[in-house]
Structure formats: structure tokens, C-alpha cells
Amino acid sequence: MAVTYFVQECPTCGRNLQVRVDYLGKRVVCQHCKAKFVACDPSSAAYPPMDSSLSVLARADQLIESANRTGLSTIARTAG
């Protein structure tokens, strides 16, 4: 029986991991840094999972971009 894998980036160390499809939605451990995270198909709408550090980084990027568009980054630089 053939085993199917998908590639997911570790939310801690950033390395690409081959994860068995059987593990989708389950907690897995990165073989490189030993971080624990939920296996989630990156092509799905649920990626990255809300408790993932990748979702926090994506939200931070959105806030920075929003601040840049509104000119808040200029104010923050001159005030600091």
C-alpha cells in the first residue's frame, strides 16, 4: 500500500517536512528541532492553524503593511 505525503513547513525552524496525509489535523513533532505542531495542508484555507507561530507572523506582517499604508510607521520612528 502506497503512503501519501504532503510538504509542510515547521512553524518553529522553517524547514520543509514530509508529513503523512494520515497525520492531517494531528499533532506531530519536527524531526529537526523537536517542535510540536498540528499537521495542516498548506493549500487549505485553514493554513496556517490559528495557534501556529506562522499565523502570528502573518498577522504581524498585515499590521506592519497597514501601518505603512497609513503613515503610522513614520510617526513611530520620529517618536522613538
PDB file of N, CA and C in Angstrom:
ATOM      1  N   MET A   1       0.836  -1.174   0.000  1.00  0.00           N
ATOM      2  CA  MET A   1       0.000   0.000   0.000  1.00  0.00           C
ATOM      3  C   MET A   1       0.884   1.240   0.000  1.00  0.00           C
ATOM      4  N   ALA A   2       0.616   2.170  -0.908  1.00  0.00           N
ATOM      5  CA  ALA A   2       1.406   3.389  -1.030  1.00  0.00           C
ATOM      6  C   ALA A   2       1.000   4.388   0.048  1.00  0.00           C
ATOM      7  N   VAL A   3       1.989   5.080   0.581  1.00  0.00           N
ATOM      8  CA  VAL A   3       1.753   6.115   1.585  1.00  0.00           C
ATOM      9  C   VAL A   3       1.882   7.465   0.899  1.00  0.00           C
ATOM     10  N   THR A   4       0.931   8.357   1.138  1.00  0.00           N
ATOM     11  CA  THR A   4       0.945   9.671   0.526  1.00  0.00           C
ATOM     12  C   THR A   4       1.418  10.712   1.540  1.00  0.00           C
ATOM     13  N   TYR A   5       2.274  11.607   1.073  1.00  0.00           N
ATOM     14  CA  TYR A   5       2.829  12.655   1.925  1.00  0.00           C
ATOM     15  C   TYR A   5       2.496  14.022   1.351  1.00  0.00           C
ATOM     16  N   PHE A   6       2.541  15.044   2.196  1.00  0.00           N
ATOM     17  CA  PHE A   6       2.489  16.425   1.737  1.00  0.00           C
ATOM     18  C   PHE A   6       3.616  17.165   2.442  1.00  0.00           C
ATOM     19  N   VAL A   7       3.978  18.314   1.922  1.00  0.00           N
ATOM     20  CA  VAL A   7       5.083  19.085   2.489  1.00  0.00           C
ATOM     21  C   VAL A   7       4.507  20.214   3.336  1.00  0.00           C
ATOM     22  N   GLN A   8       5.006  20.326   4.558  1.00  0.00           N
ATOM     23  CA  GLN A   8       4.602  21.404   5.453  1.00  0.00           C
ATOM     24  C   GLN A   8       5.850  21.997   6.078  1.00  0.00           C
ATOM     25  N   GLU A   9       5.852  23.313   6.201  1.00  0.00           N
ATOM     26  CA  GLU A   9       6.962  23.999   6.843  1.00  0.00           C
ATOM     27  C   GLU A   9       6.786  23.932   8.354  1.00  0.00           C
ATOM     28  N   CYS A  10       7.862  23.631   9.064  1.00  0.00           N
ATOM     29  CA  CYS A  10       7.812  23.649  10.525  1.00  0.00           C
ATOM     30  C   CYS A  10       7.624  25.101  10.961  1.00  0.00           C
ATOM     31  N   PRO A  11       6.619  25.392  11.799  1.00  0.00           N
ATOM     32  CA  PRO A  11       6.382  26.761  12.220  1.00  0.00           C
ATOM     33  C   PRO A  11       7.469  27.311  13.141  1.00  0.00           C
ATOM     34  N   THR A  12       8.341  26.451  13.654  1.00  0.00           N
ATOM     35  CA  THR A  12       9.396  26.906  14.555  1.00  0.00           C
ATOM     36  C   THR A  12      10.720  27.117  13.834  1.00  0.00           C
ATOM     37  N   CYS A  13      11.191  26.093  13.115  1.00  0.00           N
ATOM     38  CA  CYS A  13      12.513  26.197  12.484  1.00  0.00           C
ATOM     39  C   CYS A  13      12.446  26.520  10.997  1.00  0.00           C
ATOM     40  N   GLY A  14      11.255  26.405  10.389  1.00  0.00           N
ATOM     41  CA  GLY A  14      11.084  26.772   8.995  1.00  0.00           C
ATOM     42  C   GLY A  14      11.497  25.726   7.979  1.00  0.00           C
ATOM     43  N   ARG A  15      11.933  24.574   8.429  1.00  0.00           N
ATOM     44  CA  ARG A  15      12.332  23.531   7.471  1.00  0.00           C
ATOM     45  C   ARG A  15      11.104  22.838   6.895  1.00  0.00           C
ATOM     46  N   ASN A  16      11.218  22.424   5.642  1.00  0.00           N
ATOM     47  CA  ASN A  16      10.142  21.687   4.995  1.00  0.00           C
ATOM     48  C   ASN A  16      10.174  20.239   5.456  1.00  0.00           C
ATOM     49  N   LEU A  17       9.002  19.745   5.827  1.00  0.00           N
ATOM     50  CA  LEU A  17       8.879  18.374   6.315  1.00  0.00           C
ATOM     51  C   LEU A  17       7.893  17.609   5.455  1.00  0.00           C
ATOM     52  N   GLN A  18       8.170  16.347   5.219  1.00  0.00           N
ATOM     53  CA  GLN A  18       7.219  15.475   4.547  1.00  0.00           C
ATOM     54  C   GLN A  18       6.364  14.829   5.627  1.00  0.00           C
ATOM     55  N   VAL A  19       5.070  15.135   5.573  1.00  0.00           N
ATOM     56  CA  VAL A  19       4.138  14.641   6.585  1.00  0.00           C
ATOM     57  C   VAL A  19       3.155  13.695   5.925  1.00  0.00           C
ATOM     58  N   ARG A  20       2.916  12.549   6.541  1.00  0.00           N
ATOM     59  CA  ARG A  20       1.951  11.597   6.008  1.00  0.00           C
ATOM     60  C   ARG A  20       0.553  12.200   6.050  1.00  0.00           C
ATOM     61  N   VAL A  21      -0.218  12.000   5.007  1.00  0.00           N
ATOM     62  CA  VAL A  21      -1.582  12.504   4.942  1.00  0.00           C
ATOM     63  C   VAL A  21      -2.404  11.966   6.113  1.00  0.00           C
ATOM     64  N   ASP A  22      -2.072  10.786   6.591  1.00  0.00           N
ATOM     65  CA  ASP A  22      -2.769  10.188   7.738  1.00  0.00           C
ATOM     66  C   ASP A  22      -2.698  11.082   8.976  1.00  0.00           C
ATOM     67  N   TYR A  23      -1.708  11.954   9.053  1.00  0.00           N
ATOM     68  CA  TYR A  23      -1.493  12.787  10.234  1.00  0.00           C
ATOM     69  C   TYR A  23      -2.145  14.165  10.144  1.00  0.00           C
ATOM     70  N   LEU A  24      -2.873  14.465   9.067  1.00  0.00           N
ATOM     71  CA  LEU A  24      -3.557  15.744   8.939  1.00  0.00           C
ATOM     72  C   LEU A  24      -4.459  15.992  10.146  1.00  0.00           C
ATOM     73  N   GLY A  25      -4.346  17.170  10.745  1.00  0.00           N
ATOM     74  CA  GLY A  25      -5.160  17.526  11.902  1.00  0.00           C
ATOM     75  C   GLY A  25      -4.646  16.991  13.220  1.00  0.00           C
ATOM     76  N   LYS A  26      -3.534  16.260  13.175  1.00  0.00           N
ATOM     77  CA  LYS A  26      -2.971  15.683  14.408  1.00  0.00           C
ATOM     78  C   LYS A  26      -1.667  16.391  14.764  1.00  0.00           C
ATOM     79  N   ARG A  27      -1.303  16.325  16.028  1.00  0.00           N
ATOM     80  CA  ARG A  27      -0.054  16.930  16.476  1.00  0.00           C
ATOM     81  C   ARG A  27       1.105  16.048  16.028  1.00  0.00           C
ATOM     82  N   VAL A  28       2.107  16.677  15.457  1.00  0.00           N
ATOM     83  CA  VAL A  28       3.312  15.981  15.005  1.00  0.00           C
ATOM     84  C   VAL A  28       4.523  16.689  15.602  1.00  0.00           C
ATOM     85  N   VAL A  29       5.690  16.061  15.482  1.00  0.00           N
ATOM     86  CA  VAL A  29       6.930  16.611  16.020  1.00  0.00           C
ATOM     87  C   VAL A  29       7.923  16.788  14.881  1.00  0.00           C
ATOM     88  N   CYS A  30       8.532  17.968  14.791  1.00  0.00           N
ATOM     89  CA  CYS A  30       9.551  18.229  13.772  1.00  0.00           C
ATOM     90  C   CYS A  30      10.769  17.357  14.065  1.00  0.00           C
ATOM     91  N   GLN A  31      11.252  16.676  13.067  1.00  0.00           N
ATOM     92  CA  GLN A  31      12.408  15.801  13.241  1.00  0.00           C
ATOM     93  C   GLN A  31      13.707  16.576  13.420  1.00  0.00           C
ATOM     94  N   HIS A  32      13.700  17.875  13.113  1.00  0.00           N
ATOM     95  CA  HIS A  32      14.917  18.684  13.207  1.00  0.00           C
ATOM     96  C   HIS A  32      15.031  19.417  14.538  1.00  0.00           C
ATOM     97  N   CYS A  33      13.952  20.153  14.922  1.00  0.00           N
ATOM     98  CA  CYS A  33      14.029  20.986  16.128  1.00  0.00           C
ATOM     99  C   CYS A  33      13.177  20.451  17.278  1.00  0.00           C
ATOM    100  N   LYS A  34      12.420  19.382  17.031  1.00  0.00           N
ATOM    101  CA  LYS A  34      11.564  18.733  18.033  1.00  0.00           C
ATOM    102  C   LYS A  34      10.356  19.569  18.444  1.00  0.00           C
ATOM    103  N   ALA A  35      10.022  20.617  17.679  1.00  0.00           N
ATOM    104  CA  ALA A  35       8.830  21.424  17.969  1.00  0.00           C
ATOM    105  C   ALA A  35       7.576  20.606  17.677  1.00  0.00           C
ATOM    106  N   LYS A  36       6.529  20.822  18.459  1.00  0.00           N
ATOM    107  CA  LYS A  36       5.247  20.141  18.253  1.00  0.00           C
ATOM    108  C   LYS A  36       4.276  21.116  17.609  1.00  0.00           C
ATOM    109  N   PHE A  37       3.539  20.638  16.596  1.00  0.00           N
ATOM    110  CA  PHE A  37       2.557  21.457  15.903  1.00  0.00           C
ATOM    111  C   PHE A  37       1.523  20.558  15.246  1.00  0.00           C
ATOM    112  N   VAL A  38       0.429  21.158  14.796  1.00  0.00           N
ATOM    113  CA  VAL A  38      -0.641  20.412  14.144  1.00  0.00           C
ATOM    114  C   VAL A  38      -0.355  20.332  12.652  1.00  0.00           C
ATOM    115  N   ALA A  39      -0.392  19.118  12.105  1.00  0.00           N
ATOM    116  CA  ALA A  39      -0.186  18.926  10.667  1.00  0.00           C
ATOM    117  C   ALA A  39      -1.382  19.496   9.926  1.00  0.00           C
ATOM    118  N   CYS A  40      -1.092  20.388   8.982  1.00  0.00           N
ATOM    119  CA  CYS A  40      -2.154  21.073   8.243  1.00  0.00           C
ATOM    120  C   CYS A  40      -1.690  21.280   6.812  1.00  0.00           C
ATOM    121  N   ASP A  41      -2.526  20.905   5.858  1.00  0.00           N
ATOM    122  CA  ASP A  41      -2.190  21.047   4.445  1.00  0.00           C
ATOM    123  C   ASP A  41      -2.063  22.528   4.087  1.00  0.00           C
ATOM    124  N   PRO A  42      -0.873  22.977   3.646  1.00  0.00           N
ATOM    125  CA  PRO A  42      -0.668  24.387   3.327  1.00  0.00           C
ATOM    126  C   PRO A  42      -1.565  24.918   2.216  1.00  0.00           C
ATOM    127  N   SER A  43      -2.141  24.051   1.392  1.00  0.00           N
ATOM    128  CA  SER A  43      -3.008  24.522   0.312  1.00  0.00           C
ATOM    129  C   SER A  43      -4.455  24.712   0.780  1.00  0.00           C
ATOM    130  N   SER A  44      -4.750  24.361   2.037  1.00  0.00           N
ATOM    131  CA  SER A  44      -6.120  24.501   2.528  1.00  0.00           C
ATOM    132  C   SER A  44      -6.362  25.903   3.073  1.00  0.00           C
ATOM    133  N   ALA A  45      -7.620  26.266   3.196  1.00  0.00           N
ATOM    134  CA  ALA A  45      -7.988  27.580   3.728  1.00  0.00           C
ATOM    135  C   ALA A  45      -7.685  27.680   5.219  1.00  0.00           C
ATOM    136  N   ALA A  46      -7.498  26.555   5.878  1.00  0.00           N
ATOM    137  CA  ALA A  46      -7.236  26.547   7.326  1.00  0.00           C
ATOM    138  C   ALA A  46      -5.760  26.725   7.654  1.00  0.00           C
ATOM    139  N   TYR A  47      -4.932  26.980   6.648  1.00  0.00           N
ATOM    140  CA  TYR A  47      -3.494  27.120   6.884  1.00  0.00           C
ATOM    141  C   TYR A  47      -3.120  28.586   6.944  1.00  0.00           C
ATOM    142  N   PRO A  48      -2.305  29.018   7.829  1.00  0.00           N
ATOM    143  CA  PRO A  48      -1.754  28.265   8.949  1.00  0.00           C
ATOM    144  C   PRO A  48      -2.769  28.163  10.084  1.00  0.00           C
ATOM    145  N   PRO A  49      -2.641  27.135  10.914  1.00  0.00           N
ATOM    146  CA  PRO A  49      -3.560  26.992  12.043  1.00  0.00           C
ATOM    147  C   PRO A  49      -3.468  28.217  12.958  1.00  0.00           C
ATOM    148  N   MET A  50      -4.549  28.564  13.601  1.00  0.00           N
ATOM    149  CA  MET A  50      -4.589  29.766  14.439  1.00  0.00           C
ATOM    150  C   MET A  50      -3.567  29.739  15.574  1.00  0.00           C
ATOM    151  N   ASP A  51      -3.230  28.568  16.101  1.00  0.00           N
ATOM    152  CA  ASP A  51      -2.272  28.501  17.206  1.00  0.00           C
ATOM    153  C   ASP A  51      -0.831  28.388  16.717  1.00  0.00           C
ATOM    154  N   SER A  52      -0.625  28.527  15.426  1.00  0.00           N
ATOM    155  CA  SER A  52       0.701  28.411  14.840  1.00  0.00           C
ATOM    156  C   SER A  52       1.446  29.734  14.907  1.00  0.00           C
ATOM    157  N   SER A  53       2.751  29.668  15.083  1.00  0.00           N
ATOM    158  CA  SER A  53       3.549  30.893  15.052  1.00  0.00           C
ATOM    159  C   SER A  53       3.525  31.506  13.655  1.00  0.00           C
ATOM    160  N   LEU A  54       3.253  30.710  12.632  1.00  0.00           N
ATOM    161  CA  LEU A  54       3.145  31.246  11.274  1.00  0.00           C
ATOM    162  C   LEU A  54       1.950  32.184  11.161  1.00  0.00           C
ATOM    163  N   SER A  55       0.838  31.875  11.841  1.00  0.00           N
ATOM    164  CA  SER A  55      -0.320  32.765  11.779  1.00  0.00           C
ATOM    165  C   SER A  55      -0.024  34.064  12.523  1.00  0.00           C
ATOM    166  N   VAL A  56       0.742  34.007  13.597  1.00  0.00           N
ATOM    167  CA  VAL A  56       1.127  35.214  14.322  1.00  0.00           C
ATOM    168  C   VAL A  56       2.017  36.086  13.437  1.00  0.00           C
ATOM    169  N   LEU A  57       2.974  35.475  12.749  1.00  0.00           N
ATOM    170  CA  LEU A  57       3.847  36.220  11.857  1.00  0.00           C
ATOM    171  C   LEU A  57       3.073  36.829  10.688  1.00  0.00           C
ATOM    172  N   ALA A  58       2.119  36.096  10.156  1.00  0.00           N
ATOM    173  CA  ALA A  58       1.302  36.619   9.058  1.00  0.00           C
ATOM    174  C   ALA A  58       0.497  37.820   9.539  1.00  0.00           C
ATOM    175  N   ARG A  59      -0.059  37.744  10.737  1.00  0.00           N
ATOM    176  CA  ARG A  59      -0.824  38.863  11.287  1.00  0.00           C
ATOM    177  C   ARG A  59       0.089  40.067  11.535  1.00  0.00           C
ATOM    178  N   ALA A  60       1.302  39.835  12.024  1.00  0.00           N
ATOM    179  CA  ALA A  60       2.257  40.926  12.235  1.00  0.00           C
ATOM    180  C   ALA A  60       2.589  41.605  10.909  1.00  0.00           C
ATOM    181  N   ASP A  61       2.785  40.820   9.867  1.00  0.00           N
ATOM    182  CA  ASP A  61       3.060  41.388   8.538  1.00  0.00           C
ATOM    183  C   ASP A  61       1.887  42.250   8.062  1.00  0.00           C
ATOM    184  N   GLN A  62       0.656  41.784   8.299  1.00  0.00           N
ATOM    185  CA  GLN A  62      -0.521  42.557   7.910  1.00  0.00           C
ATOM    186  C   GLN A  62      -0.563  43.890   8.655  1.00  0.00           C
ATOM    187  N   LEU A  63      -0.272  43.869   9.950  1.00  0.00           N
ATOM    188  CA  LEU A  63      -0.302  45.096  10.739  1.00  0.00           C
ATOM    189  C   LEU A  63       0.786  46.075  10.307  1.00  0.00           C
ATOM    190  N   ILE A  64       1.971  45.557  10.002  1.00  0.00           N
ATOM    191  CA  ILE A  64       3.061  46.419   9.532  1.00  0.00           C
ATOM    192  C   ILE A  64       2.697  47.049   8.197  1.00  0.00           C
ATOM    193  N   GLU A  65       2.146  46.249   7.292  1.00  0.00           N
ATOM    194  CA  GLU A  65       1.744  46.772   5.988  1.00  0.00           C
ATOM    195  C   GLU A  65       0.659  47.835   6.137  1.00  0.00           C
ATOM    196  N   SER A  66      -0.283  47.586   7.018  1.00  0.00           N
ATOM    197  CA  SER A  66      -1.347  48.554   7.265  1.00  0.00           C
ATOM    198  C   SER A  66      -0.780  49.848   7.834  1.00  0.00           C
ATOM    199  N   ALA A  67       0.150  49.746   8.759  1.00  0.00           N
ATOM    200  CA  ALA A  67       0.785  50.926   9.347  1.00  0.00           C
ATOM    201  C   ALA A  67       1.563  51.696   8.289  1.00  0.00           C
ATOM    202  N   ASN A  68       2.238  51.000   7.406  1.00  0.00           N
ATOM    203  CA  ASN A  68       2.986  51.659   6.334  1.00  0.00           C
ATOM    204  C   ASN A  68       2.059  52.425   5.396  1.00  0.00           C
ATOM    205  N   ARG A  69       0.907  51.840   5.116  1.00  0.00           N
ATOM    206  CA  ARG A  69      -0.050  52.500   4.216  1.00  0.00           C
ATOM    207  C   ARG A  69      -0.633  53.759   4.848  1.00  0.00           C
ATOM    208  N   THR A  70      -0.832  53.751   6.144  1.00  0.00           N
ATOM    209  CA  THR A  70      -1.462  54.892   6.804  1.00  0.00           C
ATOM    210  C   THR A  70      -0.462  55.907   7.330  1.00  0.00           C
ATOM    211  N   GLY A  71       0.819  55.620   7.210  1.00  0.00           N
ATOM    212  CA  GLY A  71       1.846  56.559   7.653  1.00  0.00           C
ATOM    213  C   GLY A  71       2.191  56.443   9.124  1.00  0.00           C
ATOM    214  N   LEU A  72       1.663  55.438   9.812  1.00  0.00           N
ATOM    215  CA  LEU A  72       1.957  55.289  11.229  1.00  0.00           C
ATOM    216  C   LEU A  72       3.405  54.932  11.491  1.00  0.00           C
ATOM    217  N   SER A  73       4.047  54.274  10.539  1.00  0.00           N
ATOM    218  CA  SER A  73       5.448  53.888  10.747  1.00  0.00           C
ATOM    219  C   SER A  73       6.328  55.123  10.830  1.00  0.00           C
ATOM    220  N   THR A  74       6.001  56.191  10.099  1.00  0.00           N
ATOM    221  CA  THR A  74       6.772  57.433  10.144  1.00  0.00           C
ATOM    222  C   THR A  74       6.640  58.080  11.512  1.00  0.00           C
ATOM    223  N   ILE A  75       5.427  58.087  12.045  1.00  0.00           N
ATOM    224  CA  ILE A  75       5.196  58.666  13.365  1.00  0.00           C
ATOM    225  C   ILE A  75       5.947  57.876  14.432  1.00  0.00           C
ATOM    226  N   ALA A  76       5.905  56.560  14.358  1.00  0.00           N
ATOM    227  CA  ALA A  76       6.576  55.718  15.343  1.00  0.00           C
ATOM    228  C   ALA A  76       8.079  55.932  15.298  1.00  0.00           C
ATOM    229  N   ARG A  77       8.644  56.122  14.109  1.00  0.00           N
ATOM    230  CA  ARG A  77      10.101  56.314  14.001  1.00  0.00           C
ATOM    231  C   ARG A  77      10.513  57.659  14.589  1.00  0.00           C
ATOM    232  N   THR A  78       9.732  58.689  14.359  1.00  0.00           N
ATOM    233  CA  THR A  78      10.108  60.010  14.852  1.00  0.00           C
ATOM    234  C   THR A  78       9.850  60.142  16.349  1.00  0.00           C
ATOM    235  N   ALA A  79       8.902  59.366  16.875  1.00  0.00           N
ATOM    236  CA  ALA A  79       8.602  59.445  18.299  1.00  0.00           C
ATOM    237  C   ALA A  79       9.603  58.652  19.129  1.00  0.00           C
ATOM    238  N   GLY A  80      10.257  57.651  18.511  1.00  0.00           N
ATOM    239  CA  GLY A  80      11.146  56.753  19.252  1.00  0.00           C
ATOM    240  C   GLY A  80      12.485  57.290  19.339  1.00  0.00           C
TER     241      GLY A  80
END
